[in-house]
Amino acid sequence: MKQAASLIIFTLLFSCNNNAQNNKKQQAMANTKPIEVPLQDGKTKAYFASGCFWCVEAIYQSVIGVDDAISGYSGGHTENPTYNSSNTGRTGHAEAVEVIYDPNVVSFSDLVEVYFSTQDPTQINGQGPDWGSQYRSIIFYQNEEQKQIAEAKKSKWAKKIGSNIAAEIMPFQKFWEAEAYHQNFEARNPNHPYVRNVSNKRLDKLYKTCPLLVKKEVNDVIKDLNKN
């Protein structure tokens, strides 16, 4: 019994120490200088975490001026995260998307508005049925202007709904692209139960709250569906 008790105590101490180390690493990440991704062919990139990346990817792919949205991982302290490792919650990473967009068509401010409009901004460490630090909400900024935009939007939404906003605002460091089977998941799996019961509801929020930011071809499809 004494040996068993000693083993339990050792395990608890090791776990607490490990969590403390991870928290310190995360705090260090929040205090780092952001990395700014340069323009490429006139296009720029933005990074957001907001629950399952399947949902977020589909949302931003529907926004005007967005060329693509790629699923991946960001915000953590480990190298080369994977879906399995991020799901442990020990990597510090959250499921995130890289949004490639034309700043002459849609602004970073617009993308942040889409961000808050298509989630439950009060939910901590998750969105909908997805819970855990890997599903937490984060707006990644690359410069002081983006940081100010994110903070102003967060403050505006807090006043709008009369509640605290869960989203973190963090300096961008690195984006790790997710496994191939996660990319364009909703488009490739329209009848998947998760897509039909969870992801599509978040997409519907986009259509209702930000109709002027939705691509014309997407709006046309919605109109046709509503007619039927």
C-alpha atoms as a PDB file:
ATOM      1  CA  MET A   1       0.000   0.000   0.000  1.00  0.00           C
ATOM      2  CA  LYS A   2       2.848   2.391   0.877  1.00  0.00           C
ATOM      3  CA  GLN A   3       4.445   1.695  -2.497  1.00  0.00           C
ATOM      4  CA  ALA A   4       1.149   2.343  -4.287  1.00  0.00           C
ATOM      5  CA  ALA A   5       0.639   5.572  -2.367  1.00  0.00           C
ATOM      6  CA  SER A   6       4.176   6.698  -3.159  1.00  0.00           C
ATOM      7  CA  LEU A   7       3.620   5.969  -6.835  1.00  0.00           C
ATOM      8  CA  ILE A   8       0.398   8.008  -6.878  1.00  0.00           C
ATOM      9  CA  ILE A   9       2.104  10.955  -5.152  1.00  0.00           C
ATOM     10  CA  PHE A  10       5.044  10.799  -7.570  1.00  0.00           C
ATOM     11  CA  THR A  11       2.673  10.705 -10.563  1.00  0.00           C
ATOM     12  CA  LEU A  12       0.712  13.706  -9.281  1.00  0.00           C
ATOM     13  CA  LEU A  13       3.873  15.695  -8.598  1.00  0.00           C
ATOM     14  CA  PHE A  14       5.245  14.872 -12.049  1.00  0.00           C
ATOM     15  CA  SER A  15       1.967  15.859 -13.698  1.00  0.00           C
ATOM     16  CA  CYS A  16       1.770  19.161 -11.779  1.00  0.00           C
ATOM     17  CA  ASN A  17       5.384  19.964 -12.564  1.00  0.00           C
ATOM     18  CA  ASN A  18       4.823  19.166 -16.253  1.00  0.00           C
ATOM     19  CA  ASN A  19       1.730  21.386 -16.391  1.00  0.00           C
ATOM     20  CA  ALA A  20       3.622  24.208 -14.686  1.00  0.00           C
ATOM     21  CA  GLN A  21       6.417  23.933 -17.239  1.00  0.00           C
ATOM     22  CA  ASN A  22       3.911  23.971 -20.107  1.00  0.00           C
ATOM     23  CA  ASN A  23       2.179  27.035 -18.628  1.00  0.00           C
ATOM     24  CA  LYS A  24       5.507  28.843 -18.413  1.00  0.00           C
ATOM     25  CA  LYS A  25       6.229  27.965 -22.037  1.00  0.00           C
ATOM     26  CA  GLN A  26       2.815  29.279 -23.084  1.00  0.00           C
ATOM     27  CA  GLN A  27       3.339  32.505 -21.142  1.00  0.00           C
ATOM     28  CA  ALA A  28       6.678  32.926 -22.885  1.00  0.00           C
ATOM     29  CA  MET A  29       4.939  32.460 -26.254  1.00  0.00           C
ATOM     30  CA  ALA A  30       2.493  35.264 -25.409  1.00  0.00           C
ATOM     31  CA  ASN A  31       5.379  37.628 -24.708  1.00  0.00           C
ATOM     32  CA  THR A  32       7.344  37.012 -27.905  1.00  0.00           C
ATOM     33  CA  LYS A  33       7.662  39.457 -30.775  1.00  0.00           C
ATOM     34  CA  PRO A  34       5.225  38.603 -33.595  1.00  0.00           C
ATOM     35  CA  ILE A  35       6.484  37.338 -36.926  1.00  0.00           C
ATOM     36  CA  GLU A  36       5.042  39.130 -39.958  1.00  0.00           C
ATOM     37  CA  VAL A  37       4.456  37.023 -43.055  1.00  0.00           C
ATOM     38  CA  PRO A  38       5.453  38.968 -46.201  1.00  0.00           C
ATOM     39  CA  LEU A  39       3.072  39.600 -49.079  1.00  0.00           C
ATOM     40  CA  GLN A  40       3.249  37.061 -51.880  1.00  0.00           C
ATOM     41  CA  ASP A  41       1.806  37.945 -55.302  1.00  0.00           C
ATOM     42  CA  GLY A  42      -0.129  40.754 -53.632  1.00  0.00           C
ATOM     43  CA  LYS A  43      -1.780  38.350 -51.187  1.00  0.00           C
ATOM     44  CA  THR A  44      -1.329  38.233 -47.434  1.00  0.00           C
ATOM     45  CA  LYS A  45      -2.046  35.691 -44.705  1.00  0.00           C
ATOM     46  CA  ALA A  46      -3.950  35.793 -41.433  1.00  0.00           C
ATOM     47  CA  TYR A  47      -4.241  33.158 -38.722  1.00  0.00           C
ATOM     48  CA  PHE A  48      -7.187  32.248 -36.514  1.00  0.00           C
ATOM     49  CA  ALA A  49      -8.143  29.472 -34.101  1.00  0.00           C
ATOM     50  CA  SER A  50     -11.814  28.954 -33.298  1.00  0.00           C
ATOM     51  CA  GLY A  51     -12.697  25.387 -32.438  1.00  0.00           C
ATOM     52  CA  CYS A  52     -12.530  22.637 -35.056  1.00  0.00           C
ATOM     53  CA  PHE A  53     -10.513  23.746 -38.068  1.00  0.00           C
ATOM     54  CA  TRP A  54     -12.914  21.967 -40.427  1.00  0.00           C
ATOM     55  CA  CYS A  55     -15.533  24.585 -39.522  1.00  0.00           C
ATOM     56  CA  VAL A  56     -13.216  27.585 -39.627  1.00  0.00           C
ATOM     57  CA  GLU A  57     -11.669  26.554 -42.944  1.00  0.00           C
ATOM     58  CA  ALA A  58     -15.099  26.321 -44.599  1.00  0.00           C
ATOM     59  CA  ILE A  59     -16.162  29.679 -43.175  1.00  0.00           C
ATOM     60  CA  TYR A  60     -13.191  31.612 -44.501  1.00  0.00           C
ATOM     61  CA  GLN A  61     -13.256  29.858 -47.866  1.00  0.00           C
ATOM     62  CA  SER A  62     -16.711  31.422 -48.291  1.00  0.00           C
ATOM     63  CA  VAL A  63     -15.498  34.991 -47.677  1.00  0.00           C
ATOM     64  CA  ILE A  64     -14.872  37.451 -50.521  1.00  0.00           C
ATOM     65  CA  GLY A  65     -11.232  38.109 -51.301  1.00  0.00           C
ATOM     66  CA  VAL A  66     -10.095  34.836 -49.731  1.00  0.00           C
ATOM     67  CA  ASP A  67      -8.137  32.595 -52.078  1.00  0.00           C
ATOM     68  CA  ASP A  68      -7.824  29.697 -49.678  1.00  0.00           C
ATOM     69  CA  ALA A  69      -7.985  28.617 -46.051  1.00  0.00           C
ATOM     70  CA  ILE A  70      -5.670  25.870 -44.843  1.00  0.00           C
ATOM     71  CA  SER A  71      -6.113  23.786 -41.692  1.00  0.00           C
ATOM     72  CA  GLY A  72      -3.227  23.428 -39.273  1.00  0.00           C
ATOM     73  CA  TYR A  73      -1.855  24.094 -35.807  1.00  0.00           C
ATOM     74  CA  SER A  74      -0.486  27.183 -34.083  1.00  0.00           C
ATOM     75  CA  GLY A  75      -0.022  28.864 -30.725  1.00  0.00           C
ATOM     76  CA  GLY A  76       1.954  26.120 -28.996  1.00  0.00           C
ATOM     77  CA  HIS A  77       5.469  25.452 -27.783  1.00  0.00           C
ATOM     78  CA  THR A  78       6.321  22.163 -29.547  1.00  0.00           C
ATOM     79  CA  GLU A  79       7.771  21.470 -32.976  1.00  0.00           C
ATOM     80  CA  ASN A  80       5.948  19.574 -35.741  1.00  0.00           C
ATOM     81  CA  PRO A  81       2.576  19.063 -34.010  1.00  0.00           C
ATOM     82  CA  THR A  82       0.199  16.460 -35.381  1.00  0.00           C
ATOM     83  CA  TYR A  83      -3.519  15.861 -34.925  1.00  0.00           C
ATOM     84  CA  ASN A  84      -2.835  13.121 -32.390  1.00  0.00           C
ATOM     85  CA  SER A  85      -0.281  15.112 -30.404  1.00  0.00           C
ATOM     86  CA  SER A  86      -2.321  18.327 -30.355  1.00  0.00           C
ATOM     87  CA  ASN A  87      -5.337  16.401 -29.071  1.00  0.00           C
ATOM     88  CA  THR A  88      -3.446  15.561 -25.878  1.00  0.00           C
ATOM     89  CA  GLY A  89      -3.532  19.247 -24.944  1.00  0.00           C
ATOM     90  CA  ARG A  90       0.141  19.088 -23.991  1.00  0.00           C
ATOM     91  CA  THR A  91       1.611  20.735 -27.105  1.00  0.00           C
ATOM     92  CA  GLY A  92       0.037  24.117 -26.422  1.00  0.00           C
ATOM     93  CA  HIS A  93      -1.166  24.235 -30.029  1.00  0.00           C
ATOM     94  CA  ALA A  94      -4.705  24.984 -31.113  1.00  0.00           C
ATOM     95  CA  GLU A  95      -6.377  23.882 -34.305  1.00  0.00           C
ATOM     96  CA  ALA A  96      -5.965  26.920 -36.539  1.00  0.00           C
ATOM     97  CA  VAL A  97      -6.404  28.097 -40.121  1.00  0.00           C
ATOM     98  CA  GLU A  98      -4.153  30.046 -42.441  1.00  0.00           C
ATOM     99  CA  VAL A  99      -6.293  32.470 -44.456  1.00  0.00           C
ATOM    100  CA  ILE A 100      -4.759  33.616 -47.750  1.00  0.00           C
ATOM    101  CA  TYR A 101      -6.515  36.773 -48.910  1.00  0.00           C
ATOM    102  CA  ASP A 102      -6.371  39.869 -51.079  1.00  0.00           C
ATOM    103  CA  PRO A 103      -6.117  42.925 -48.772  1.00  0.00           C
ATOM    104  CA  ASN A 104      -7.523  45.089 -51.581  1.00  0.00           C
ATOM    105  CA  VAL A 105     -10.797  43.155 -51.416  1.00  0.00           C
ATOM    106  CA  VAL A 106     -11.210  42.203 -47.767  1.00  0.00           C
ATOM    107  CA  SER A 107      -9.446  43.674 -44.731  1.00  0.00           C
ATOM    108  CA  PHE A 108      -7.996  42.085 -41.624  1.00  0.00           C
ATOM    109  CA  SER A 109     -10.698  43.937 -39.696  1.00  0.00           C
ATOM    110  CA  ASP A 110     -13.363  42.232 -41.848  1.00  0.00           C
ATOM    111  CA  LEU A 111     -11.788  38.834 -41.175  1.00  0.00           C
ATOM    112  CA  VAL A 112     -11.874  39.483 -37.438  1.00  0.00           C
ATOM    113  CA  GLU A 113     -15.544  40.483 -37.701  1.00  0.00           C
ATOM    114  CA  VAL A 114     -16.227  37.179 -39.465  1.00  0.00           C
ATOM    115  CA  TYR A 115     -14.275  35.455 -36.711  1.00  0.00           C
ATOM    116  CA  PHE A 116     -16.447  36.734 -33.881  1.00  0.00           C
ATOM    117  CA  SER A 117     -19.690  36.453 -35.876  1.00  0.00           C
ATOM    118  CA  THR A 118     -19.335  32.728 -36.526  1.00  0.00           C
ATOM    119  CA  GLN A 119     -18.624  31.346 -33.062  1.00  0.00           C
ATOM    120  CA  ASP A 120     -19.794  31.468 -29.475  1.00  0.00           C
ATOM    121  CA  PRO A 121     -17.338  34.142 -28.328  1.00  0.00           C
ATOM    122  CA  THR A 122     -17.950  33.356 -24.641  1.00  0.00           C
ATOM    123  CA  GLN A 123     -17.019  29.665 -24.758  1.00  0.00           C
ATOM    124  CA  ILE A 124     -13.670  28.966 -23.117  1.00  0.00           C
ATOM    125  CA  ASN A 125     -11.410  26.205 -24.439  1.00  0.00           C
ATOM    126  CA  GLY A 126     -13.746  25.041 -27.159  1.00  0.00           C
ATOM    127  CA  GLN A 127     -16.549  25.633 -29.620  1.00  0.00           C
ATOM    128  CA  GLY A 128     -19.818  23.738 -29.585  1.00  0.00           C
ATOM    129  CA  PRO A 129     -19.206  20.056 -28.835  1.00  0.00           C
ATOM    130  CA  ASP A 130     -15.419  20.377 -29.149  1.00  0.00           C
ATOM    131  CA  TRP A 131     -13.721  20.955 -25.811  1.00  0.00           C
ATOM    132  CA  GLY A 132     -10.082  21.238 -24.773  1.00  0.00           C
ATOM    133  CA  SER A 133      -7.211  23.714 -25.072  1.00  0.00           C
ATOM    134  CA  GLN A 134      -6.607  22.503 -28.635  1.00  0.00           C
ATOM    135  CA  TYR A 135     -10.007  23.995 -29.543  1.00  0.00           C
ATOM    136  CA  ARG A 136      -9.559  27.347 -27.813  1.00  0.00           C
ATOM    137  CA  SER A 137     -10.134  30.629 -29.630  1.00  0.00           C
ATOM    138  CA  ILE A 138      -7.113  32.712 -30.643  1.00  0.00           C
ATOM    139  CA  ILE A 139      -6.586  35.694 -32.925  1.00  0.00           C
ATOM    140  CA  PHE A 140      -2.972  35.773 -34.031  1.00  0.00           C
ATOM    141  CA  TYR A 141      -1.540  39.205 -34.822  1.00  0.00           C
ATOM    142  CA  GLN A 142       1.544  39.913 -36.937  1.00  0.00           C
ATOM    143  CA  ASN A 143       2.036  43.597 -36.141  1.00  0.00           C
ATOM    144  CA  GLU A 144       0.841  46.332 -33.813  1.00  0.00           C
ATOM    145  CA  GLU A 145      -1.952  47.440 -36.155  1.00  0.00           C
ATOM    146  CA  GLN A 146      -3.465  43.950 -36.228  1.00  0.00           C
ATOM    147  CA  LYS A 147      -3.147  43.695 -32.436  1.00  0.00           C
ATOM    148  CA  GLN A 148      -5.049  46.961 -31.989  1.00  0.00           C
ATOM    149  CA  ILE A 149      -7.757  45.845 -34.428  1.00  0.00           C
ATOM    150  CA  ALA A 150      -8.186  42.530 -32.600  1.00  0.00           C
ATOM    151  CA  GLU A 151      -8.344  44.203 -29.182  1.00  0.00           C
ATOM    152  CA  ALA A 152     -10.847  46.809 -30.373  1.00  0.00           C
ATOM    153  CA  LYS A 153     -13.091  44.147 -31.920  1.00  0.00           C
ATOM    154  CA  LYS A 154     -12.893  42.026 -28.787  1.00  0.00           C
ATOM    155  CA  SER A 155     -13.868  45.012 -26.639  1.00  0.00           C
ATOM    156  CA  LYS A 156     -16.726  45.881 -29.005  1.00  0.00           C
ATOM    157  CA  TRP A 157     -18.112  42.351 -28.857  1.00  0.00           C
ATOM    158  CA  ALA A 158     -17.835  42.234 -25.063  1.00  0.00           C
ATOM    159  CA  LYS A 159     -20.014  45.369 -24.859  1.00  0.00           C
ATOM    160  CA  LYS A 160     -22.356  44.094 -27.571  1.00  0.00           C
ATOM    161  CA  ILE A 161     -23.213  40.838 -25.795  1.00  0.00           C
ATOM    162  CA  GLY A 162     -22.576  42.026 -22.236  1.00  0.00           C
ATOM    163  CA  SER A 163     -20.158  39.231 -21.451  1.00  0.00           C
ATOM    164  CA  ASN A 164     -16.482  38.394 -21.277  1.00  0.00           C
ATOM    165  CA  ILE A 165     -14.906  37.232 -24.546  1.00  0.00           C
ATOM    166  CA  ALA A 166     -12.882  34.030 -24.438  1.00  0.00           C
ATOM    167  CA  ALA A 167     -10.633  34.651 -27.434  1.00  0.00           C
ATOM    168  CA  GLU A 168      -6.927  35.070 -26.757  1.00  0.00           C
ATOM    169  CA  ILE A 169      -4.919  37.607 -28.742  1.00  0.00           C
ATOM    170  CA  MET A 170      -1.449  36.233 -29.386  1.00  0.00           C
ATOM    171  CA  PRO A 171       1.632  37.170 -31.434  1.00  0.00           C
ATOM    172  CA  PHE A 172       1.940  34.913 -34.468  1.00  0.00           C
ATOM    173  CA  GLN A 173       5.022  32.705 -34.533  1.00  0.00           C
ATOM    174  CA  LYS A 174       4.561  29.710 -36.820  1.00  0.00           C
ATOM    175  CA  PHE A 175       1.832  27.765 -38.582  1.00  0.00           C
ATOM    176  CA  TRP A 176       2.088  24.023 -39.032  1.00  0.00           C
ATOM    177  CA  GLU A 177      -0.054  22.612 -41.849  1.00  0.00           C
ATOM    178  CA  ALA A 178      -2.321  19.752 -40.817  1.00  0.00           C
ATOM    179  CA  GLU A 179      -2.480  16.320 -42.373  1.00  0.00           C
ATOM    180  CA  ALA A 180      -3.880  16.057 -45.908  1.00  0.00           C
ATOM    181  CA  TYR A 181      -7.103  14.348 -44.831  1.00  0.00           C
ATOM    182  CA  HIS A 182      -8.112  17.451 -42.866  1.00  0.00           C
ATOM    183  CA  GLN A 183      -7.822  19.841 -45.811  1.00  0.00           C
ATOM    184  CA  ASN A 184     -11.074  20.936 -47.512  1.00  0.00           C
ATOM    185  CA  PHE A 185     -12.851  18.468 -45.244  1.00  0.00           C
ATOM    186  CA  GLU A 186     -16.312  19.988 -45.476  1.00  0.00           C
ATOM    187  CA  ALA A 187     -16.229  20.324 -49.271  1.00  0.00           C
ATOM    188  CA  ARG A 188     -15.103  16.699 -49.628  1.00  0.00           C
ATOM    189  CA  ASN A 189     -17.487  15.309 -47.000  1.00  0.00           C
ATOM    190  CA  PRO A 190     -20.774  17.243 -47.236  1.00  0.00           C
ATOM    191  CA  ASN A 191     -22.796  14.379 -45.730  1.00  0.00           C
ATOM    192  CA  HIS A 192     -20.494  13.735 -42.792  1.00  0.00           C
ATOM    193  CA  PRO A 193     -22.574  13.902 -39.562  1.00  0.00           C
ATOM    194  CA  TYR A 194     -20.240  16.494 -38.027  1.00  0.00           C
ATOM    195  CA  VAL A 195     -20.462  18.687 -41.117  1.00  0.00           C
ATOM    196  CA  ARG A 196     -24.244  18.491 -41.245  1.00  0.00           C
ATOM    197  CA  ASN A 197     -24.858  18.930 -37.516  1.00  0.00           C
ATOM    198  CA  VAL A 198     -22.066  21.279 -36.434  1.00  0.00           C
ATOM    199  CA  SER A 199     -20.074  22.880 -39.229  1.00  0.00           C
ATOM    200  CA  ASN A 200     -23.050  23.879 -41.375  1.00  0.00           C
ATOM    201  CA  LYS A 201     -24.617  25.702 -38.421  1.00  0.00           C
ATOM    202  CA  ARG A 202     -21.529  27.866 -38.092  1.00  0.00           C
ATOM    203  CA  LEU A 203     -21.562  28.537 -41.822  1.00  0.00           C
ATOM    204  CA  ASP A 204     -25.182  29.613 -41.511  1.00  0.00           C
ATOM    205  CA  LYS A 205     -24.072  32.228 -38.964  1.00  0.00           C
ATOM    206  CA  LEU A 206     -21.761  33.682 -41.600  1.00  0.00           C
ATOM    207  CA  TYR A 207     -24.578  33.976 -44.157  1.00  0.00           C
ATOM    208  CA  LYS A 208     -26.875  35.655 -41.630  1.00  0.00           C
ATOM    209  CA  THR A 209     -24.434  38.000 -39.903  1.00  0.00           C
ATOM    210  CA  CYS A 210     -21.995  38.978 -42.683  1.00  0.00           C
ATOM    211  CA  PRO A 211     -23.936  38.638 -45.974  1.00  0.00           C
ATOM    212  CA  LEU A 212     -21.920  41.371 -47.711  1.00  0.00           C
ATOM    213  CA  LEU A 213     -18.709  39.446 -47.066  1.00  0.00           C
ATOM    214  CA  VAL A 214     -19.939  36.177 -48.591  1.00  0.00           C
ATOM    215  CA  LYS A 215     -18.773  35.269 -52.100  1.00  0.00           C
ATOM    216  CA  LYS A 216     -21.425  35.725 -54.781  1.00  0.00           C
ATOM    217  CA  GLU A 217     -21.214  32.117 -55.934  1.00  0.00           C
ATOM    218  CA  VAL A 218     -21.807  30.934 -52.374  1.00  0.00           C
ATOM    219  CA  ASN A 219     -24.787  33.264 -51.975  1.00  0.00           C
ATOM    220  CA  ASP A 220     -26.228  31.979 -55.260  1.00  0.00           C
ATOM    221  CA  VAL A 221     -26.047  28.400 -53.984  1.00  0.00           C
ATOM    222  CA  ILE A 222     -27.787  29.419 -50.756  1.00  0.00           C
ATOM    223  CA  LYS A 223     -30.579  31.137 -52.668  1.00  0.00           C
ATOM    224  CA  ASP A 224     -31.116  28.063 -54.822  1.00  0.00           C
ATOM    225  CA  LEU A 225     -31.263  25.845 -51.739  1.00  0.00           C
ATOM    226  CA  ASN A 226     -33.788  28.154 -50.091  1.00  0.00           C
ATOM    227  CA  LYS A 227     -35.993  28.055 -53.194  1.00  0.00           C
ATOM    228  CA  ASN A 228     -36.124  24.283 -52.943  1.00  0.00           C
END
